[in-house]
Amino acid sequence: MAADGSEDGGPADAARQFFSRHHLIFLTIALSALGIATGVATALALLHGTSLLDAGLILACAVLAGACALIQTRHLTLGILIAVAPLPGLAVAASMSAGEAFGAVPLLAYVFGYAIAAVQANAVLVRALDGKAMESSAKSAGLAVGLMTALSLLWFWRGQTNDAAFQAVFDIAFATASVLLVMPLGTWFLRFDEAFVAEANRMRERRQRIFEKVATVAVPRWGASIAGITLILLALAWFGAEPAVSRLHIESVRGLAAASAGLVFLSATEACGGWREGLSATVVAALVCLMALWGIAVAGKTEPVPLVDILELVSLTLFLVFCGARRARVYRLLGDDPAIARLRAIEELGVPQTFAVLGGIAALIPNAFAHPVAAAYVAALVFAGAGGAALAPAIVTACETLLPRRRSVEELYGKR
């Protein structure tokens, strides 16, 4: 009965399972449409002065990031979607920046879009494995893009580098829009067979064992310790970044920095449901910013500091922090204790946050040769991922230990 290899797990049966799992017909159609759209936008970008080297580097970073996405999901179609989702919007944005030097700006915009796609792919897997829907990351992404726009206006509205800032805003905004359009459309065609569900459940259990240890930051003792270490790192980064800060050539740097911190604090407080979450987002964003400046100072660059790149890194950090804080808020409103809510949020989102950063680091590898300053951003990306998964929840835990939270009526009775 196995003469044609169609039964008992033969080659024909395995082939049918592969095609059914990855839905290659619809994948071909979707990728063809994406390829045409991206090709047209890339052609427009090239006609407006974008170099072939910059376009090739973006494609190279997409290939490397796609390998990380495949490791994250163990699903070919979903991994490809994560990697290609930011590309159409990024190509469209490139055609709008005629004559501008790309630098690392579009690369970091791609990393930002990739992070959104990685979090959305996690929601797709949770829905497939558990049958429950997670809150969309669109609100967190929109808030991060809005803050990027506001910070760019704050720092560059009267500067000579405002063209680069507008380019960065366009890149991030269009990459985000592309992801928010491509991911729902692409994942609508996906089918997950029993073999994949069983394998994905085993993989999730293994990974959750790791993040159960990370989730101890929700315990007051460990949370206070990690928060203290974060403040020490912040102080060290402040002194390490001083050489790069002195080369910013911007008036009232300290005043602008204070205004930026206040803007982030107010926005995060409103979006995440409390001043503790706002404070944690502000501290982690400041840490990533100073780490990036420290890396630039260590690299010994003499050209003007690429502050636009740093704002993109801060936006990515805030997106990861917002995702975790908003997820914890959902559990808190459902009646969970705040510490348990943070623990559950870390266990659910720790994996996509980690792979978002790993994909970003992989994307930086080929660009480090063409844009050496990109190598200085690796440490900042590491702290961005750590901030979203552990440092920000630890700061919230420490604040709750010092100033216990008064639970609202909605939290007490489990109302949204």
Protein backbone atom coordinates (compact mmCIF):
# COMPACT_ATOMS: atom_id res chain seq x y z
CA MET A 1 0.00 0.00 0.00
CA ALA A 2 3.05 2.18 0.12
CA ALA A 3 4.01 1.53 -3.48
CA ASP A 4 3.36 5.11 -4.53
CA GLY A 5 4.73 6.56 -1.32
CA SER A 6 1.37 8.16 -0.51
CA GLU A 7 0.76 6.42 2.82
CA ASP A 8 2.57 5.68 6.02
CA GLY A 9 4.46 8.95 5.83
CA GLY A 10 5.98 8.31 2.39
CA PRO A 11 7.56 11.01 0.20
CA ALA A 12 4.32 11.90 -1.59
CA ASP A 13 2.46 12.30 1.72
CA ALA A 14 5.30 14.38 3.13
CA ALA A 15 5.24 16.57 0.04
CA ARG A 16 1.49 17.11 0.33
CA GLN A 17 1.89 18.04 4.01
CA PHE A 18 4.65 20.50 3.13
CA PHE A 19 2.59 22.19 0.42
CA SER A 20 -0.49 22.25 2.66
CA ARG A 21 1.39 23.66 5.62
CA HIS A 22 3.15 26.42 3.73
CA HIS A 23 0.32 27.11 1.25
CA LEU A 24 2.79 27.65 -1.57
CA ILE A 25 0.24 28.56 -4.24
CA PHE A 26 -1.13 31.50 -2.31
CA LEU A 27 2.38 32.32 -1.09
CA THR A 28 3.54 32.56 -4.71
CA ILE A 29 0.67 34.89 -5.55
CA ALA A 30 1.23 37.07 -2.49
CA LEU A 31 5.00 37.27 -2.97
CA SER A 32 4.59 38.01 -6.68
CA ALA A 33 2.34 40.96 -5.86
CA LEU A 34 4.76 42.13 -3.19
CA GLY A 35 7.67 41.69 -5.58
CA ILE A 36 6.02 43.76 -8.29
CA ALA A 37 5.11 46.54 -5.84
CA THR A 38 8.56 46.54 -4.29
CA GLY A 39 10.24 46.43 -7.70
CA VAL A 40 8.27 49.43 -8.95
CA ALA A 41 9.00 51.40 -5.79
CA THR A 42 12.68 50.44 -5.93
CA ALA A 43 12.88 51.55 -9.56
CA LEU A 44 11.42 54.91 -8.58
CA ALA A 45 13.93 55.17 -5.74
CA LEU A 46 16.82 54.40 -8.07
CA LEU A 47 15.61 56.98 -10.56
CA HIS A 48 15.59 59.55 -7.76
CA GLY A 49 19.22 58.92 -6.87
CA THR A 50 19.25 55.90 -4.55
CA SER A 51 22.39 53.81 -5.09
CA LEU A 52 22.36 50.13 -6.01
CA LEU A 53 24.60 49.48 -2.99
CA ASP A 54 22.00 50.83 -0.56
CA ALA A 55 19.23 48.79 -2.19
CA GLY A 56 21.40 45.66 -2.16
CA LEU A 57 22.25 46.13 1.51
CA ILE A 58 18.58 46.36 2.45
CA LEU A 59 17.87 43.13 0.57
CA ALA A 60 20.84 41.44 2.25
CA CYS A 61 19.63 42.49 5.67
CA ALA A 62 16.16 41.13 4.80
CA VAL A 63 17.65 37.73 3.94
CA LEU A 64 19.58 37.51 7.22
CA ALA A 65 16.63 38.76 9.25
CA GLY A 66 14.43 36.23 7.46
CA ALA A 67 16.66 33.42 8.75
CA CYS A 68 15.98 34.64 12.30
CA ALA A 69 12.25 34.82 11.53
CA LEU A 70 12.32 31.21 10.34
CA ILE A 71 14.00 30.13 13.57
CA GLN A 72 11.38 32.06 15.55
CA THR A 73 8.33 30.59 13.81
CA ARG A 74 9.61 27.31 12.30
CA HIS A 75 7.20 28.08 9.46
CA LEU A 76 8.50 28.93 6.00
CA THR A 77 5.66 31.17 4.83
CA LEU A 78 5.38 33.07 8.08
CA GLY A 79 9.13 33.59 8.26
CA ILE A 80 9.22 34.98 4.71
CA LEU A 81 6.30 37.29 5.45
CA ILE A 82 8.06 38.71 8.50
CA ALA A 83 11.18 39.43 6.46
CA VAL A 84 9.53 41.00 3.41
CA ALA A 85 6.64 42.85 5.05
CA PRO A 86 8.55 46.15 5.63
CA LEU A 87 10.14 46.23 2.15
CA PRO A 88 7.31 47.68 0.01
CA GLY A 89 6.76 50.64 2.32
CA LEU A 90 10.48 51.20 2.68
CA ALA A 91 10.93 51.28 -1.10
CA VAL A 92 8.07 53.78 -1.45
CA ALA A 93 9.64 56.00 1.22
CA ALA A 94 12.99 55.82 -0.55
CA SER A 95 11.49 57.26 -3.72
CA MET A 96 10.37 60.30 -1.70
CA SER A 97 13.87 61.16 -0.48
CA ALA A 98 15.43 62.25 -3.76
CA GLY A 99 19.10 63.06 -3.54
CA GLU A 100 19.44 62.18 0.15
CA ALA A 101 22.21 59.94 1.45
CA PHE A 102 20.70 56.84 3.01
CA GLY A 103 23.27 56.03 5.67
CA ALA A 104 21.82 53.69 8.31
CA VAL A 105 18.41 55.42 8.38
CA PRO A 106 16.49 53.00 6.10
CA LEU A 107 18.23 50.02 7.69
CA LEU A 108 16.98 50.96 11.16
CA ALA A 109 13.54 51.65 9.70
CA TYR A 110 13.56 48.11 8.32
CA VAL A 111 14.54 46.78 11.76
CA PHE A 112 11.62 48.72 13.26
CA GLY A 113 9.19 47.22 10.75
CA TYR A 114 10.69 43.77 11.27
CA ALA A 115 10.08 44.04 15.02
CA ILE A 116 6.40 44.85 14.42
CA ALA A 117 6.09 41.88 12.05
CA ALA A 118 7.77 39.55 14.59
CA VAL A 119 5.30 40.56 17.31
CA GLN A 120 2.35 40.18 14.94
CA ALA A 121 3.57 36.73 13.87
CA ASN A 122 3.63 35.73 17.53
CA ALA A 123 -0.03 36.75 17.81
CA VAL A 124 -0.82 34.57 14.78
CA LEU A 125 0.88 31.57 16.41
CA VAL A 126 -0.90 32.14 19.72
CA ARG A 127 -4.22 32.23 17.91
CA ALA A 128 -3.36 29.01 16.05
CA LEU A 129 -2.12 27.15 19.14
CA ASP A 130 -4.49 28.42 21.84
CA GLY A 131 -7.43 29.77 19.88
CA LYS A 132 -7.27 33.11 21.67
CA ALA A 133 -6.72 36.55 20.18
CA MET A 134 -4.04 38.90 21.46
CA GLU A 135 -4.21 42.66 21.41
CA SER A 136 -2.91 44.01 18.12
CA SER A 137 0.52 45.62 18.15
CA ALA A 138 -0.81 48.34 15.82
CA LYS A 139 -1.53 50.72 18.71
CA SER A 140 1.96 50.33 20.16
CA ALA A 141 3.48 50.77 16.70
CA GLY A 142 1.38 53.86 15.99
CA LEU A 143 2.34 55.42 19.30
CA ALA A 144 6.05 54.74 18.67
CA VAL A 145 5.82 56.27 15.18
CA GLY A 146 4.01 59.30 16.60
CA LEU A 147 6.72 59.78 19.20
CA MET A 148 9.39 59.45 16.51
CA THR A 149 7.68 62.20 14.55
CA ALA A 150 7.32 64.45 17.59
CA LEU A 151 10.93 63.93 18.69
CA SER A 152 12.20 64.62 15.17
CA LEU A 153 10.29 67.88 15.07
CA LEU A 154 11.56 68.78 18.53
CA TRP A 155 15.22 68.21 17.68
CA PHE A 156 15.39 69.17 14.01
CA TRP A 157 12.68 71.72 13.25
CA ARG A 158 15.22 74.50 12.89
CA GLY A 159 18.37 72.49 12.14
CA GLN A 160 20.28 71.85 8.95
CA THR A 161 19.69 68.08 9.12
CA ASN A 162 15.91 68.25 9.11
CA ASP A 163 15.81 66.58 5.67
CA ALA A 164 17.38 63.44 7.14
CA ALA A 165 14.91 63.56 10.02
CA PHE A 166 11.95 63.76 7.65
CA GLN A 167 13.44 60.90 5.66
CA ALA A 168 13.61 58.80 8.82
CA VAL A 169 10.00 59.61 9.69
CA PHE A 170 8.86 58.67 6.19
CA ASP A 171 10.88 55.44 6.29
CA ILE A 172 9.48 54.33 9.64
CA ALA A 173 5.92 55.40 8.88
CA PHE A 174 5.78 53.68 5.49
CA ALA A 175 7.54 50.55 6.76
CA THR A 176 5.02 50.35 9.61
CA ALA A 177 2.07 50.84 7.26
CA SER A 178 3.48 48.17 4.98
CA VAL A 179 3.76 45.66 7.82
CA LEU A 180 0.28 46.42 9.14
CA LEU A 181 -1.13 45.77 5.65
CA VAL A 182 0.98 42.84 4.50
CA MET A 183 0.96 40.72 7.67
CA PRO A 184 -2.85 40.42 8.08
CA LEU A 185 -3.31 39.77 4.36
CA GLY A 186 -0.48 37.24 4.19
CA THR A 187 -1.35 35.34 7.36
CA TRP A 188 -4.98 35.06 6.29
CA PHE A 189 -3.90 32.33 3.83
CA LEU A 190 -1.92 30.30 6.38
CA ARG A 191 -2.93 26.85 7.49
CA PHE A 192 -1.39 25.05 10.46
CA ASP A 193 -1.64 21.26 10.42
CA GLU A 194 -1.55 19.02 13.47
CA ALA A 195 2.13 18.20 13.02
CA PHE A 196 3.07 21.88 13.06
CA VAL A 197 0.84 22.61 16.07
CA ALA A 198 2.44 19.77 18.03
CA GLU A 199 5.95 20.89 17.10
CA ALA A 200 5.15 24.54 17.87
CA ASN A 201 3.74 23.63 21.28
CA ARG A 202 6.90 21.71 22.18
CA MET A 203 9.05 24.60 21.00
CA ARG A 204 6.99 27.09 23.00
CA GLU A 205 7.31 25.01 26.17
CA ARG A 206 11.10 24.92 25.81
CA ARG A 207 11.31 28.65 25.29
CA GLN A 208 8.91 29.47 28.11
CA ARG A 209 11.17 27.62 30.54
CA ILE A 210 13.84 30.18 29.70
CA PHE A 211 11.56 33.17 30.07
CA GLU A 212 10.16 31.85 33.35
CA LYS A 213 13.57 32.78 34.75
CA VAL A 214 13.47 36.20 33.08
CA ALA A 215 10.00 36.73 34.52
CA THR A 216 11.45 36.74 38.05
CA VAL A 217 11.89 40.50 37.53
CA ALA A 218 8.23 40.64 38.57
CA VAL A 219 9.32 39.48 42.06
CA PRO A 220 10.10 42.53 44.25
CA ARG A 221 13.56 41.35 45.33
CA TRP A 222 14.81 40.64 41.83
CA GLY A 223 12.94 43.51 40.28
CA ALA A 224 14.57 46.01 42.65
CA SER A 225 18.00 44.50 41.97
CA ILE A 226 17.61 44.68 38.18
CA ALA A 227 16.23 48.22 38.44
CA GLY A 228 19.29 49.25 40.46
CA ILE A 229 21.63 47.72 37.89
CA THR A 230 19.75 49.59 35.16
CA LEU A 231 20.31 52.91 36.93
CA ILE A 232 24.03 52.12 37.31
CA LEU A 233 24.27 51.34 33.60
CA LEU A 234 22.44 54.56 32.86
CA ALA A 235 24.98 56.54 34.88
CA LEU A 236 27.93 54.79 33.18
CA ALA A 237 26.42 55.38 29.74
CA TRP A 238 25.93 59.06 30.59
CA PHE A 239 29.66 59.54 31.13
CA GLY A 240 30.59 57.27 28.23
CA ALA A 241 28.38 59.20 25.82
CA GLU A 242 29.80 62.61 26.76
CA PRO A 243 32.35 62.73 23.86
CA ALA A 244 29.61 62.03 21.32
CA VAL A 245 27.21 64.51 22.95
CA SER A 246 29.84 67.24 22.66
CA ARG A 247 29.84 66.71 18.86
CA LEU A 248 26.09 67.11 18.40
CA HIS A 249 26.44 70.84 17.58
CA ILE A 250 22.88 71.53 18.75
CA GLU A 251 21.94 74.40 21.02
CA SER A 252 20.34 73.62 24.38
CA VAL A 253 21.02 69.88 24.22
CA ARG A 254 20.15 69.37 27.87
CA GLY A 255 16.90 71.29 27.53
CA LEU A 256 15.89 69.30 24.46
CA ALA A 257 16.80 66.06 26.23
CA ALA A 258 14.64 67.02 29.23
CA ALA A 259 11.74 67.95 26.95
CA SER A 260 12.10 64.64 25.09
CA ALA A 261 12.09 62.69 28.34
CA GLY A 262 8.98 64.53 29.48
CA LEU A 263 7.22 63.80 26.19
CA VAL A 264 8.06 60.10 26.39
CA PHE A 265 6.99 59.94 30.04
CA LEU A 266 3.61 61.58 29.44
CA SER A 267 2.89 59.49 26.33
CA ALA A 268 3.87 56.20 27.98
CA THR A 269 1.91 57.04 31.13
CA GLU A 270 -1.22 57.63 29.11
CA ALA A 271 -0.76 54.63 26.82
CA CYS A 272 0.29 52.06 29.42
CA GLY A 273 -1.91 53.03 32.34
CA GLY A 274 0.32 54.52 35.02
CA TRP A 275 3.25 56.71 35.92
CA ARG A 276 5.34 53.66 36.83
CA GLU A 277 5.11 52.37 33.28
CA GLY A 278 5.82 55.87 31.99
CA LEU A 279 8.93 56.13 34.15
CA SER A 280 10.18 52.69 33.07
CA ALA A 281 9.74 53.53 29.37
CA THR A 282 11.60 56.83 29.83
CA VAL A 283 14.53 55.26 31.68
CA VAL A 284 14.92 52.41 29.18
CA ALA A 285 14.69 54.79 26.21
CA ALA A 286 17.34 57.03 27.77
CA LEU A 287 19.57 54.01 28.39
CA VAL A 288 19.37 52.87 24.77
CA CYS A 289 20.01 56.41 23.52
CA LEU A 290 23.09 56.84 25.71
CA MET A 291 24.38 53.36 24.84
CA ALA A 292 24.18 54.22 21.15
CA LEU A 293 26.03 57.49 21.76
CA TRP A 294 28.63 55.64 23.83
CA GLY A 295 29.15 53.18 20.98
CA ILE A 296 29.64 56.04 18.54
CA ALA A 297 32.13 57.65 20.93
CA VAL A 298 34.08 54.39 21.26
CA ALA A 299 34.10 54.00 17.47
CA GLY A 300 35.88 57.37 17.34
CA LYS A 301 33.88 58.85 14.49
CA THR A 302 34.69 62.43 13.58
CA GLU A 303 31.71 63.21 11.36
CA PRO A 304 28.54 64.69 12.91
CA VAL A 305 26.78 62.27 15.23
CA PRO A 306 23.83 60.59 13.41
CA LEU A 307 21.19 61.65 15.90
CA VAL A 308 18.42 60.62 13.51
CA ASP A 309 19.57 56.99 13.76
CA ILE A 310 19.45 57.21 17.54
CA LEU A 311 15.87 58.47 17.46
CA GLU A 312 14.96 55.42 15.37
CA LEU A 313 16.58 53.15 17.96
CA VAL A 314 14.61 54.92 20.69
CA SER A 315 11.39 54.40 18.73
CA LEU A 316 12.11 50.69 18.40
CA THR A 317 12.79 50.49 22.13
CA LEU A 318 9.54 52.25 22.97
CA PHE A 319 7.60 49.91 20.70
CA LEU A 320 8.95 46.84 22.53
CA VAL A 321 8.31 48.42 25.94
CA PHE A 322 4.78 49.48 24.97
CA CYS A 323 3.92 45.98 23.78
CA GLY A 324 4.90 44.43 27.11
CA ALA A 325 3.35 47.15 29.27
CA ARG A 326 0.06 47.16 27.37
CA ARG A 327 -0.16 43.37 27.54
CA ALA A 328 0.43 43.46 31.29
CA ARG A 329 -2.25 46.12 31.56
CA VAL A 330 -4.75 43.82 29.81
CA TYR A 331 -4.11 41.07 32.36
CA ARG A 332 -4.30 43.59 35.18
CA LEU A 333 -7.70 44.77 33.99
CA LEU A 334 -8.84 41.15 33.82
CA GLY A 335 -8.22 40.87 37.56
CA ASP A 336 -4.64 39.58 37.82
CA ASP A 337 -2.29 40.90 40.45
CA PRO A 338 0.08 43.45 38.84
CA ALA A 339 3.12 41.22 39.42
CA ILE A 340 1.35 38.21 37.89
CA ALA A 341 0.21 40.36 34.98
CA ARG A 342 3.79 41.38 34.22
CA LEU A 343 5.00 37.80 34.58
CA ARG A 344 2.42 36.55 32.06
CA ALA A 345 3.26 39.36 29.65
CA ILE A 346 6.98 38.50 29.78
CA GLU A 347 6.29 34.82 29.14
CA GLU A 348 4.07 35.65 26.15
CA LEU A 349 6.09 38.41 24.52
CA GLY A 350 9.63 37.58 25.56
CA VAL A 351 10.21 35.35 22.54
CA PRO A 352 9.09 37.79 19.81
CA GLN A 353 10.89 40.67 21.54
CA THR A 354 14.09 38.63 21.64
CA PHE A 355 13.85 37.53 18.01
CA ALA A 356 12.98 41.07 16.92
CA VAL A 357 16.33 42.18 18.33
CA LEU A 358 18.21 39.15 16.97
CA GLY A 359 16.79 39.85 13.53
CA GLY A 360 17.84 43.47 13.84
CA ILE A 361 21.37 42.49 14.82
CA ALA A 362 21.55 40.07 11.88
CA ALA A 363 20.39 42.87 9.59
CA LEU A 364 23.22 45.09 10.83
CA ILE A 365 25.95 42.62 9.88
CA PRO A 366 26.30 43.37 6.13
CA ASN A 367 25.74 47.09 6.68
CA ALA A 368 28.59 47.34 9.19
CA PHE A 369 31.02 47.17 6.28
CA ALA A 370 29.36 49.95 4.24
CA HIS A 371 28.26 52.05 7.23
CA PRO A 372 30.69 51.38 10.11
CA VAL A 373 28.53 53.35 12.52
CA ALA A 374 25.95 50.55 12.27
CA ALA A 375 28.26 48.33 14.33
CA ALA A 376 27.92 50.80 17.21
CA TYR A 377 24.18 50.14 17.30
CA VAL A 378 24.47 46.43 18.15
CA ALA A 379 24.82 47.08 21.89
CA ALA A 380 21.93 49.54 21.74
CA LEU A 381 19.74 46.88 20.11
CA VAL A 382 20.69 44.39 22.82
CA PHE A 383 19.58 46.85 25.49
CA ALA A 384 16.42 47.61 23.52
CA GLY A 385 15.43 43.95 23.65
CA ALA A 386 16.45 43.59 27.28
CA GLY A 387 14.53 46.76 28.09
CA GLY A 388 11.29 45.50 26.62
CA ALA A 389 11.54 42.01 28.10
CA ALA A 390 13.12 42.62 31.51
CA LEU A 391 14.42 46.08 32.43
CA ALA A 392 11.16 48.01 32.05
CA PRO A 393 9.11 45.41 34.03
CA ALA A 394 11.82 45.41 36.70
CA ILE A 395 11.60 49.19 37.10
CA VAL A 396 7.82 48.97 37.40
CA THR A 397 8.24 46.25 40.05
CA ALA A 398 10.69 48.38 42.02
CA CYS A 399 8.34 51.38 41.88
CA GLU A 400 5.43 49.26 43.09
CA THR A 401 7.57 47.96 45.96
CA LEU A 402 8.41 51.49 47.05
CA LEU A 403 4.99 52.99 46.29
CA PRO A 404 2.33 50.25 46.18
CA ARG A 405 -0.28 50.59 43.48
CA ARG A 406 -3.88 51.36 44.39
CA ARG A 407 -6.06 49.11 42.29
CA SER A 408 -8.86 50.77 40.36
CA VAL A 409 -12.48 49.62 40.30
CA GLU A 410 -11.95 48.15 36.83
CA GLU A 411 -8.97 46.12 38.05
CA LEU A 412 -10.79 44.90 41.15
CA TYR A 413 -13.83 43.67 39.24
CA GLY A 414 -12.06 42.60 36.05
CA LYS A 415 -13.65 45.12 33.70
CA ARG A 416 -11.97 46.50 30.60
